[in-house]
């Protein structure tokens, strides 16, 4: 419906995974039931506007009961989100300062998988102006890869690429 990149995944254990914070994150937040978990794990592929513009409208970020973990390979992620929703572009009660108490930032590194709720998660830097990262999510022998905003190179099709582990044996 015209929303910019935002995909949600709910694991069998009820973990809320969100991929990028495009405008769809507002609708996602509104679609959650009152009984839904108030813990969210957000993975940001890169900080181009279409991938973060919905974050200031994610209603759950204003709830003091929410816990929002943000994962990205970009070391300046907190600064980028803070500048995005600052005065004079947002009223003081909607600025980053109003929500930062609910946020925790986690720096991911290529080649160092993390685990959240039984999910093995890896990232890989892709070729895109300003960089972009793809993520793989693996659980119970199934693998989902989120790869967006990439410009493929001929070497991406060789049998030995740097990001091979992220894409190898993907189901989706």
N, C-alpha and C. Protein backbone atom coordinates (compact mmCIF):
# COMPACT_ATOMS: atom_id res chain seq x y z
N UNK A 1 0.79 -1.21 0.00
CA UNK A 1 0.00 0.00 0.00
C UNK A 1 0.83 1.26 0.00
N UNK A 2 2.05 1.21 -0.52
CA UNK A 2 2.88 2.40 -0.59
C UNK A 2 3.79 2.58 0.60
N UNK A 3 3.75 1.67 1.57
CA UNK A 3 4.64 1.79 2.72
C UNK A 3 6.08 1.51 2.31
N UNK A 4 7.01 2.21 2.95
CA UNK A 4 8.42 1.96 2.69
C UNK A 4 8.89 0.80 3.56
N UNK A 5 10.11 0.27 3.34
CA UNK A 5 10.52 -1.02 3.91
C UNK A 5 10.32 -1.18 5.41
N UNK A 6 9.53 -2.19 5.74
CA UNK A 6 9.32 -2.61 7.12
C UNK A 6 8.65 -3.97 7.07
N UNK A 7 9.34 -4.96 7.58
CA UNK A 7 8.81 -6.33 7.59
C UNK A 7 8.83 -6.82 9.03
N UNK A 8 7.76 -7.49 9.44
CA UNK A 8 7.73 -8.03 10.80
C UNK A 8 7.73 -9.55 10.75
N UNK A 9 8.39 -10.11 11.74
CA UNK A 9 8.46 -11.56 11.92
C UNK A 9 8.11 -11.83 13.37
N UNK A 10 7.23 -12.78 13.62
CA UNK A 10 6.95 -13.22 14.98
C UNK A 10 7.37 -14.68 15.07
N UNK A 11 8.29 -14.98 15.96
CA UNK A 11 8.75 -16.36 16.10
C UNK A 11 7.71 -17.18 16.85
N UNK A 12 7.88 -18.48 16.80
CA UNK A 12 6.97 -19.37 17.53
C UNK A 12 6.95 -19.06 19.02
N UNK A 13 8.06 -18.51 19.53
CA UNK A 13 8.17 -18.17 20.95
C UNK A 13 7.61 -16.78 21.25
N UNK A 14 7.14 -16.07 20.23
CA UNK A 14 6.53 -14.76 20.43
C UNK A 14 7.48 -13.58 20.33
N UNK A 15 8.72 -13.80 19.92
CA UNK A 15 9.64 -12.69 19.72
C UNK A 15 9.19 -11.85 18.54
N UNK A 16 9.20 -10.54 18.73
CA UNK A 16 8.83 -9.60 17.69
C UNK A 16 10.10 -9.11 17.00
N UNK A 17 10.29 -9.48 15.75
CA UNK A 17 11.43 -9.04 14.96
C UNK A 17 10.90 -8.07 13.90
N UNK A 18 11.54 -6.91 13.78
CA UNK A 18 11.15 -5.93 12.77
C UNK A 18 12.37 -5.63 11.93
N UNK A 19 12.19 -5.66 10.61
CA UNK A 19 13.28 -5.41 9.67
C UNK A 19 13.05 -4.05 9.02
N UNK A 20 13.87 -3.12 9.37
CA UNK A 20 13.81 -1.73 8.92
C UNK A 20 12.58 -1.01 9.47
N UNK A 21 12.66 0.30 9.47
CA UNK A 21 11.62 1.13 10.09
C UNK A 21 11.02 2.10 9.09
N UNK A 22 10.63 1.57 7.94
CA UNK A 22 9.93 2.40 6.97
C UNK A 22 8.55 2.76 7.50
N UNK A 23 7.75 3.40 6.68
CA UNK A 23 6.45 3.88 7.13
C UNK A 23 5.52 2.76 7.58
N UNK A 24 5.77 1.55 7.14
CA UNK A 24 4.95 0.42 7.55
C UNK A 24 5.02 0.10 9.03
N UNK A 25 6.02 0.60 9.74
CA UNK A 25 6.13 0.30 11.17
C UNK A 25 4.99 0.93 11.96
N UNK A 26 4.44 2.02 11.47
CA UNK A 26 3.29 2.64 12.14
C UNK A 26 2.09 1.70 12.09
N UNK A 27 1.81 1.17 10.91
CA UNK A 27 0.68 0.22 10.76
C UNK A 27 0.94 -1.05 11.55
N UNK A 28 2.17 -1.51 11.53
CA UNK A 28 2.52 -2.70 12.31
C UNK A 28 2.20 -2.48 13.79
N UNK A 29 2.64 -1.36 14.33
CA UNK A 29 2.38 -1.07 15.74
C UNK A 29 0.90 -1.00 16.05
N UNK A 30 0.12 -0.41 15.15
CA UNK A 30 -1.32 -0.30 15.37
C UNK A 30 -2.02 -1.66 15.24
N UNK A 31 -1.40 -2.61 14.51
CA UNK A 31 -2.03 -3.91 14.31
C UNK A 31 -1.85 -4.86 15.49
N UNK A 32 -0.95 -4.52 16.39
CA UNK A 32 -0.67 -5.42 17.52
C UNK A 32 -1.82 -5.42 18.51
N UNK A 33 -2.10 -6.59 19.04
CA UNK A 33 -3.14 -6.69 20.06
C UNK A 33 -2.61 -6.14 21.38
N UNK A 34 -3.50 -5.81 22.27
CA UNK A 34 -3.10 -5.30 23.58
C UNK A 34 -2.32 -6.34 24.37
N UNK A 35 -2.49 -7.62 24.03
CA UNK A 35 -1.78 -8.70 24.72
C UNK A 35 -0.43 -9.03 24.09
N UNK A 36 -0.09 -8.36 23.00
CA UNK A 36 1.17 -8.64 22.31
C UNK A 36 2.36 -8.28 23.20
N UNK A 37 3.46 -8.91 22.94
CA UNK A 37 4.69 -8.63 23.67
C UNK A 37 5.06 -7.15 23.55
N UNK A 38 5.66 -6.61 24.58
CA UNK A 38 6.12 -5.22 24.52
C UNK A 38 7.63 -5.18 24.33
N UNK A 39 8.19 -6.30 23.89
CA UNK A 39 9.62 -6.39 23.60
C UNK A 39 9.79 -6.54 22.10
N UNK A 40 10.62 -5.67 21.52
CA UNK A 40 10.82 -5.66 20.07
C UNK A 40 12.31 -5.70 19.75
N UNK A 41 12.62 -6.40 18.67
CA UNK A 41 13.99 -6.48 18.17
C UNK A 41 13.96 -5.92 16.75
N UNK A 42 14.58 -4.75 16.55
CA UNK A 42 14.57 -4.08 15.26
C UNK A 42 15.95 -4.16 14.62
N UNK A 43 15.98 -4.62 13.37
CA UNK A 43 17.22 -4.71 12.61
C UNK A 43 17.16 -3.67 11.50
N UNK A 44 18.17 -2.79 11.46
CA UNK A 44 18.19 -1.72 10.47
C UNK A 44 19.29 -2.01 9.46
N UNK A 45 18.88 -2.15 8.20
CA UNK A 45 19.83 -2.50 7.13
C UNK A 45 20.73 -1.32 6.77
N UNK A 46 20.18 -0.11 6.80
CA UNK A 46 20.94 1.11 6.55
C UNK A 46 20.04 2.30 6.86
N UNK A 47 20.62 3.49 6.82
CA UNK A 47 19.91 4.65 7.33
C UNK A 47 19.43 5.61 6.25
N UNK A 48 19.21 5.10 5.05
CA UNK A 48 18.55 5.95 4.06
C UNK A 48 17.13 6.22 4.55
N UNK A 49 16.62 7.37 4.18
CA UNK A 49 15.35 7.87 4.72
C UNK A 49 14.21 6.86 4.62
N UNK A 50 14.10 6.16 3.48
CA UNK A 50 12.97 5.25 3.32
C UNK A 50 13.04 4.05 4.26
N UNK A 51 14.17 3.82 4.91
CA UNK A 51 14.31 2.69 5.83
C UNK A 51 14.17 3.08 7.30
N UNK A 52 14.07 4.39 7.58
CA UNK A 52 13.93 4.83 8.97
C UNK A 52 12.80 5.84 9.18
N UNK A 53 12.18 6.31 8.12
CA UNK A 53 11.24 7.41 8.26
C UNK A 53 10.02 7.09 9.11
N UNK A 54 9.69 5.83 9.30
CA UNK A 54 8.54 5.47 10.11
C UNK A 54 8.82 5.40 11.60
N UNK A 55 10.09 5.34 11.98
CA UNK A 55 10.42 5.14 13.39
C UNK A 55 9.76 6.16 14.32
N UNK A 56 9.76 7.45 14.01
CA UNK A 56 9.13 8.40 14.93
C UNK A 56 7.62 8.17 15.11
N UNK A 57 7.00 7.38 14.24
CA UNK A 57 5.56 7.10 14.33
C UNK A 57 5.27 5.72 14.91
N UNK A 58 6.28 5.03 15.39
CA UNK A 58 6.09 3.72 16.01
C UNK A 58 5.60 3.94 17.43
N UNK A 59 4.29 3.82 17.61
CA UNK A 59 3.64 4.15 18.88
C UNK A 59 4.22 3.44 20.08
N UNK A 60 4.68 2.20 19.91
CA UNK A 60 5.22 1.43 21.03
C UNK A 60 6.47 2.08 21.61
N UNK A 61 7.17 2.90 20.83
CA UNK A 61 8.38 3.53 21.35
C UNK A 61 8.05 4.57 22.42
N UNK A 62 6.81 5.03 22.48
CA UNK A 62 6.41 6.01 23.48
C UNK A 62 5.91 5.38 24.77
N UNK A 63 5.77 4.07 24.79
CA UNK A 63 5.30 3.39 25.99
C UNK A 63 6.47 3.08 26.92
N UNK A 64 6.40 3.53 28.16
CA UNK A 64 7.50 3.23 29.09
C UNK A 64 7.61 1.74 29.39
N UNK A 65 6.58 0.95 29.02
CA UNK A 65 6.61 -0.50 29.23
C UNK A 65 7.30 -1.24 28.10
N UNK A 66 7.60 -0.54 27.01
CA UNK A 66 8.24 -1.19 25.86
C UNK A 66 9.74 -1.28 26.06
N UNK A 67 10.28 -2.35 25.50
CA UNK A 67 11.73 -2.54 25.45
C UNK A 67 12.06 -2.78 23.99
N UNK A 68 12.83 -1.86 23.41
CA UNK A 68 13.14 -1.93 21.98
C UNK A 68 14.64 -2.05 21.81
N UNK A 69 15.07 -3.19 21.28
CA UNK A 69 16.48 -3.44 21.00
C UNK A 69 16.70 -3.20 19.51
N UNK A 70 17.66 -2.34 19.20
CA UNK A 70 17.97 -2.02 17.81
C UNK A 70 19.34 -2.60 17.47
N UNK A 71 19.36 -3.39 16.38
CA UNK A 71 20.57 -4.07 15.94
C UNK A 71 20.95 -3.55 14.56
N UNK A 72 22.22 -3.20 14.42
CA UNK A 72 22.71 -2.71 13.14
C UNK A 72 24.23 -2.72 13.16
N UNK A 73 24.86 -2.86 12.01
CA UNK A 73 26.32 -2.75 11.95
C UNK A 73 26.82 -1.30 11.92
N UNK A 74 25.94 -0.32 11.97
CA UNK A 74 26.32 1.08 11.94
C UNK A 74 26.55 1.60 13.36
N UNK A 75 27.78 1.96 13.65
CA UNK A 75 28.15 2.39 15.01
C UNK A 75 27.44 3.67 15.44
N UNK A 76 27.03 4.51 14.51
CA UNK A 76 26.40 5.79 14.84
C UNK A 76 24.87 5.74 14.79
N UNK A 77 24.31 4.57 14.93
CA UNK A 77 22.85 4.40 14.80
C UNK A 77 22.07 5.30 15.75
N UNK A 78 22.47 5.38 17.00
CA UNK A 78 21.72 6.19 17.95
C UNK A 78 21.75 7.67 17.54
N UNK A 79 22.90 8.13 17.11
CA UNK A 79 23.02 9.52 16.65
C UNK A 79 22.13 9.78 15.44
N UNK A 80 22.11 8.83 14.49
CA UNK A 80 21.29 9.00 13.29
C UNK A 80 19.81 9.11 13.63
N UNK A 81 19.33 8.24 14.52
CA UNK A 81 17.91 8.29 14.89
C UNK A 81 17.60 9.54 15.71
N UNK A 82 18.54 9.96 16.54
CA UNK A 82 18.33 11.17 17.34
C UNK A 82 18.20 12.40 16.44
N UNK A 83 19.05 12.49 15.45
CA UNK A 83 18.99 13.65 14.53
C UNK A 83 17.72 13.61 13.69
N UNK A 84 17.23 12.41 13.40
CA UNK A 84 16.05 12.27 12.55
C UNK A 84 14.83 12.92 13.19
N UNK A 85 14.66 12.72 14.48
CA UNK A 85 13.46 13.27 15.14
C UNK A 85 13.88 14.27 16.21
N UNK A 86 14.37 15.40 15.74
CA UNK A 86 14.82 16.45 16.64
C UNK A 86 14.09 17.76 16.31
N UNK A 87 14.22 18.71 17.22
CA UNK A 87 13.67 20.04 16.97
C UNK A 87 14.39 20.65 15.78
N UNK A 88 13.80 21.40 14.92
CA UNK A 88 12.43 21.89 14.91
C UNK A 88 11.48 20.99 14.14
N UNK A 89 11.95 19.82 13.71
CA UNK A 89 11.12 18.96 12.85
C UNK A 89 10.05 18.19 13.61
N UNK A 90 10.23 18.03 14.92
CA UNK A 90 9.27 17.34 15.77
C UNK A 90 9.04 18.16 17.02
N UNK A 91 7.83 18.10 17.57
CA UNK A 91 7.60 18.79 18.84
C UNK A 91 8.42 18.10 19.94
N UNK A 92 8.70 18.81 20.99
CA UNK A 92 9.57 18.31 22.05
C UNK A 92 9.10 16.98 22.62
N UNK A 93 7.77 16.77 22.72
CA UNK A 93 7.27 15.51 23.29
C UNK A 93 7.33 14.34 22.32
N UNK A 94 7.74 14.58 21.08
CA UNK A 94 7.86 13.49 20.10
C UNK A 94 9.31 13.32 19.63
N UNK A 95 10.22 14.07 20.21
CA UNK A 95 11.63 13.97 19.82
C UNK A 95 12.25 12.69 20.37
N UNK A 96 13.39 12.36 19.84
CA UNK A 96 14.13 11.16 20.24
C UNK A 96 14.33 11.10 21.75
N UNK A 97 14.58 12.24 22.37
CA UNK A 97 14.80 12.29 23.82
C UNK A 97 13.62 11.69 24.59
N UNK A 98 12.41 11.76 24.02
CA UNK A 98 11.21 11.24 24.68
C UNK A 98 11.15 9.72 24.69
N UNK A 99 11.87 9.08 23.78
CA UNK A 99 11.76 7.63 23.64
C UNK A 99 13.06 6.88 23.93
N UNK A 100 14.16 7.58 24.06
CA UNK A 100 15.45 6.89 24.16
C UNK A 100 15.56 5.98 25.38
N UNK A 101 14.75 6.20 26.40
CA UNK A 101 14.77 5.34 27.59
C UNK A 101 14.28 3.93 27.30
N UNK A 102 13.52 3.74 26.25
CA UNK A 102 13.01 2.42 25.89
C UNK A 102 13.96 1.68 24.94
N UNK A 103 15.01 2.37 24.46
CA UNK A 103 15.87 1.83 23.40
C UNK A 103 17.21 1.33 23.92
N UNK A 104 17.66 0.24 23.34
CA UNK A 104 19.02 -0.27 23.55
C UNK A 104 19.60 -0.53 22.17
N UNK A 105 20.83 -0.13 21.96
CA UNK A 105 21.48 -0.28 20.66
C UNK A 105 22.54 -1.38 20.74
N UNK A 106 22.57 -2.24 19.72
CA UNK A 106 23.50 -3.36 19.66
C UNK A 106 24.24 -3.31 18.33
N UNK A 107 25.55 -3.22 18.40
CA UNK A 107 26.38 -3.15 17.20
C UNK A 107 26.68 -4.56 16.71
N UNK A 108 26.25 -4.85 15.50
CA UNK A 108 26.52 -6.16 14.90
C UNK A 108 27.81 -6.07 14.09
N UNK A 109 28.47 -7.21 13.94
CA UNK A 109 29.68 -7.28 13.15
C UNK A 109 29.58 -8.44 12.18
N UNK A 110 29.95 -8.16 10.96
CA UNK A 110 29.95 -9.19 9.93
C UNK A 110 30.89 -10.31 10.37
N UNK A 111 30.42 -11.55 10.22
CA UNK A 111 31.22 -12.70 10.61
C UNK A 111 31.07 -13.12 12.05
N UNK A 112 30.30 -12.34 12.84
CA UNK A 112 30.04 -12.67 14.25
C UNK A 112 28.54 -12.82 14.47
N UNK A 113 28.01 -14.02 14.27
CA UNK A 113 26.56 -14.20 14.45
C UNK A 113 26.14 -13.94 15.90
N UNK A 114 24.90 -13.52 16.04
CA UNK A 114 24.31 -13.36 17.37
C UNK A 114 23.14 -14.32 17.49
N UNK A 115 22.65 -14.52 18.72
CA UNK A 115 21.49 -15.37 18.93
C UNK A 115 20.49 -14.64 19.81
N UNK A 116 19.24 -14.66 19.36
CA UNK A 116 18.14 -14.07 20.11
C UNK A 116 17.00 -15.09 20.11
N UNK A 117 16.60 -15.53 21.26
CA UNK A 117 15.46 -16.44 21.37
C UNK A 117 15.54 -17.65 20.47
N UNK A 118 16.72 -18.23 20.34
CA UNK A 118 16.89 -19.42 19.51
C UNK A 118 17.17 -19.13 18.05
N UNK A 119 17.08 -17.86 17.64
CA UNK A 119 17.39 -17.47 16.26
C UNK A 119 18.88 -17.17 16.13
N UNK A 120 19.51 -17.77 15.14
CA UNK A 120 20.89 -17.41 14.80
C UNK A 120 20.79 -16.33 13.73
N UNK A 121 21.45 -15.19 13.97
CA UNK A 121 21.33 -14.04 13.08
C UNK A 121 22.72 -13.59 12.64
N UNK A 122 22.87 -13.41 11.32
CA UNK A 122 24.13 -12.93 10.75
C UNK A 122 23.86 -11.75 9.84
N UNK A 123 24.90 -10.94 9.63
CA UNK A 123 24.77 -9.81 8.72
C UNK A 123 25.91 -9.84 7.71
N UNK A 124 25.68 -9.18 6.57
CA UNK A 124 26.69 -9.09 5.53
C UNK A 124 26.55 -7.77 4.80
N UNK A 125 27.67 -7.05 4.67
CA UNK A 125 27.66 -5.77 3.96
C UNK A 125 27.49 -6.01 2.47
N UNK A 126 26.59 -5.24 1.89
CA UNK A 126 26.28 -5.35 0.47
C UNK A 126 26.78 -4.11 -0.26
N UNK A 127 26.80 -4.19 -1.56
CA UNK A 127 27.21 -3.06 -2.38
C UNK A 127 25.99 -2.16 -2.59
N UNK A 128 26.02 -0.98 -2.00
CA UNK A 128 24.95 0.01 -2.10
C UNK A 128 25.54 1.35 -1.68
N UNK A 129 25.21 2.44 -2.35
CA UNK A 129 25.76 3.73 -1.94
C UNK A 129 25.49 4.01 -0.46
N UNK A 130 26.54 4.24 0.30
CA UNK A 130 26.39 4.46 1.74
C UNK A 130 26.37 3.17 2.53
N UNK A 131 26.49 2.05 1.87
CA UNK A 131 26.46 0.71 2.46
C UNK A 131 25.05 0.29 2.88
N UNK A 132 24.83 -0.98 2.85
CA UNK A 132 23.59 -1.61 3.29
C UNK A 132 23.97 -3.01 3.74
N UNK A 133 23.23 -3.55 4.69
CA UNK A 133 23.52 -4.89 5.20
C UNK A 133 22.33 -5.80 5.01
N UNK A 134 22.63 -7.04 4.67
CA UNK A 134 21.62 -8.09 4.61
C UNK A 134 21.70 -8.88 5.91
N UNK A 135 20.59 -9.47 6.28
CA UNK A 135 20.53 -10.26 7.51
C UNK A 135 19.96 -11.64 7.21
N UNK A 136 20.49 -12.66 7.88
CA UNK A 136 19.88 -13.99 7.80
C UNK A 136 19.41 -14.38 9.19
N UNK A 137 18.27 -15.07 9.23
CA UNK A 137 17.64 -15.53 10.46
C UNK A 137 17.44 -17.03 10.32
N UNK A 138 18.02 -17.81 11.23
CA UNK A 138 17.96 -19.26 11.10
C UNK A 138 17.48 -19.87 12.41
N UNK A 139 16.49 -20.78 12.28
CA UNK A 139 15.97 -21.49 13.44
C UNK A 139 15.37 -22.82 12.96
N UNK A 140 15.56 -23.84 13.72
CA UNK A 140 15.00 -25.17 13.43
C UNK A 140 15.27 -25.62 12.00
N UNK A 141 16.48 -25.37 11.50
CA UNK A 141 16.86 -25.80 10.16
C UNK A 141 16.26 -25.00 9.03
N UNK A 142 15.59 -23.91 9.32
CA UNK A 142 15.01 -23.04 8.29
C UNK A 142 15.72 -21.69 8.31
N UNK A 143 15.86 -21.10 7.13
CA UNK A 143 16.61 -19.84 7.02
C UNK A 143 15.86 -18.84 6.14
N UNK A 144 15.74 -17.63 6.68
CA UNK A 144 15.12 -16.50 5.99
C UNK A 144 16.20 -15.43 5.83
N UNK A 145 16.32 -14.86 4.63
CA UNK A 145 17.30 -13.80 4.38
C UNK A 145 16.57 -12.52 3.97
N UNK A 146 16.93 -11.43 4.61
CA UNK A 146 16.41 -10.11 4.27
C UNK A 146 17.55 -9.37 3.58
N UNK A 147 17.41 -9.15 2.27
CA UNK A 147 18.43 -8.46 1.48
C UNK A 147 17.73 -7.41 0.63
N UNK A 148 17.96 -6.16 0.96
CA UNK A 148 17.27 -5.08 0.26
C UNK A 148 18.28 -4.01 -0.15
N UNK A 149 17.92 -3.25 -1.16
CA UNK A 149 18.75 -2.13 -1.62
C UNK A 149 20.19 -2.56 -1.89
N UNK A 150 20.34 -3.49 -2.81
CA UNK A 150 21.68 -3.95 -3.16
C UNK A 150 21.86 -3.88 -4.67
N UNK A 151 23.05 -3.56 -5.06
CA UNK A 151 23.42 -3.59 -6.46
C UNK A 151 24.37 -4.77 -6.62
N UNK A 152 23.92 -5.79 -7.32
CA UNK A 152 24.73 -7.00 -7.45
C UNK A 152 25.93 -6.76 -8.34
N UNK A 153 27.02 -7.46 -8.02
CA UNK A 153 28.24 -7.43 -8.82
C UNK A 153 28.43 -8.84 -9.39
N UNK A 154 29.22 -8.95 -10.43
CA UNK A 154 29.50 -10.26 -11.02
C UNK A 154 30.05 -11.23 -9.99
N UNK A 155 30.89 -10.75 -9.08
CA UNK A 155 31.49 -11.63 -8.08
C UNK A 155 30.47 -12.18 -7.08
N UNK A 156 29.31 -11.55 -6.99
CA UNK A 156 28.27 -12.07 -6.09
C UNK A 156 27.76 -13.44 -6.53
N UNK A 157 28.04 -13.82 -7.76
CA UNK A 157 27.55 -15.09 -8.27
C UNK A 157 28.64 -16.17 -8.28
N UNK A 158 29.82 -15.85 -7.75
CA UNK A 158 30.87 -16.87 -7.69
C UNK A 158 30.57 -17.81 -6.53
N UNK A 159 31.20 -18.97 -6.53
CA UNK A 159 30.91 -19.95 -5.49
C UNK A 159 31.58 -19.60 -4.17
N UNK A 160 32.52 -18.68 -4.17
CA UNK A 160 33.20 -18.29 -2.93
C UNK A 160 33.09 -16.78 -2.75
N UNK A 161 32.07 -16.35 -2.05
CA UNK A 161 31.91 -14.93 -1.77
C UNK A 161 32.05 -14.70 -0.27
N UNK A 162 32.37 -13.47 0.10
CA UNK A 162 32.55 -13.14 1.51
C UNK A 162 31.30 -13.41 2.34
N UNK A 163 30.14 -13.14 1.79
CA UNK A 163 28.89 -13.30 2.53
C UNK A 163 28.20 -14.62 2.35
N UNK A 164 28.95 -15.60 1.92
CA UNK A 164 28.37 -16.91 1.58
C UNK A 164 27.55 -17.50 2.73
N UNK A 165 28.01 -17.39 3.96
CA UNK A 165 27.29 -17.99 5.08
C UNK A 165 25.93 -17.36 5.32
N UNK A 166 25.78 -16.09 4.98
CA UNK A 166 24.49 -15.42 5.16
C UNK A 166 23.45 -15.99 4.19
N UNK A 167 23.86 -16.26 2.96
CA UNK A 167 22.92 -16.68 1.92
C UNK A 167 22.85 -18.18 1.70
N UNK A 168 23.84 -18.92 2.13
CA UNK A 168 23.90 -20.35 1.89
C UNK A 168 22.69 -21.08 2.50
N UNK A 169 22.07 -21.93 1.69
CA UNK A 169 20.96 -22.79 2.12
C UNK A 169 19.73 -22.01 2.61
N UNK A 170 19.53 -20.80 2.09
CA UNK A 170 18.35 -20.02 2.48
C UNK A 170 17.08 -20.68 1.92
N UNK A 171 16.03 -20.68 2.74
CA UNK A 171 14.72 -21.18 2.30
C UNK A 171 13.90 -20.05 1.66
N UNK A 172 14.06 -18.86 2.18
CA UNK A 172 13.34 -17.69 1.66
C UNK A 172 14.31 -16.53 1.59
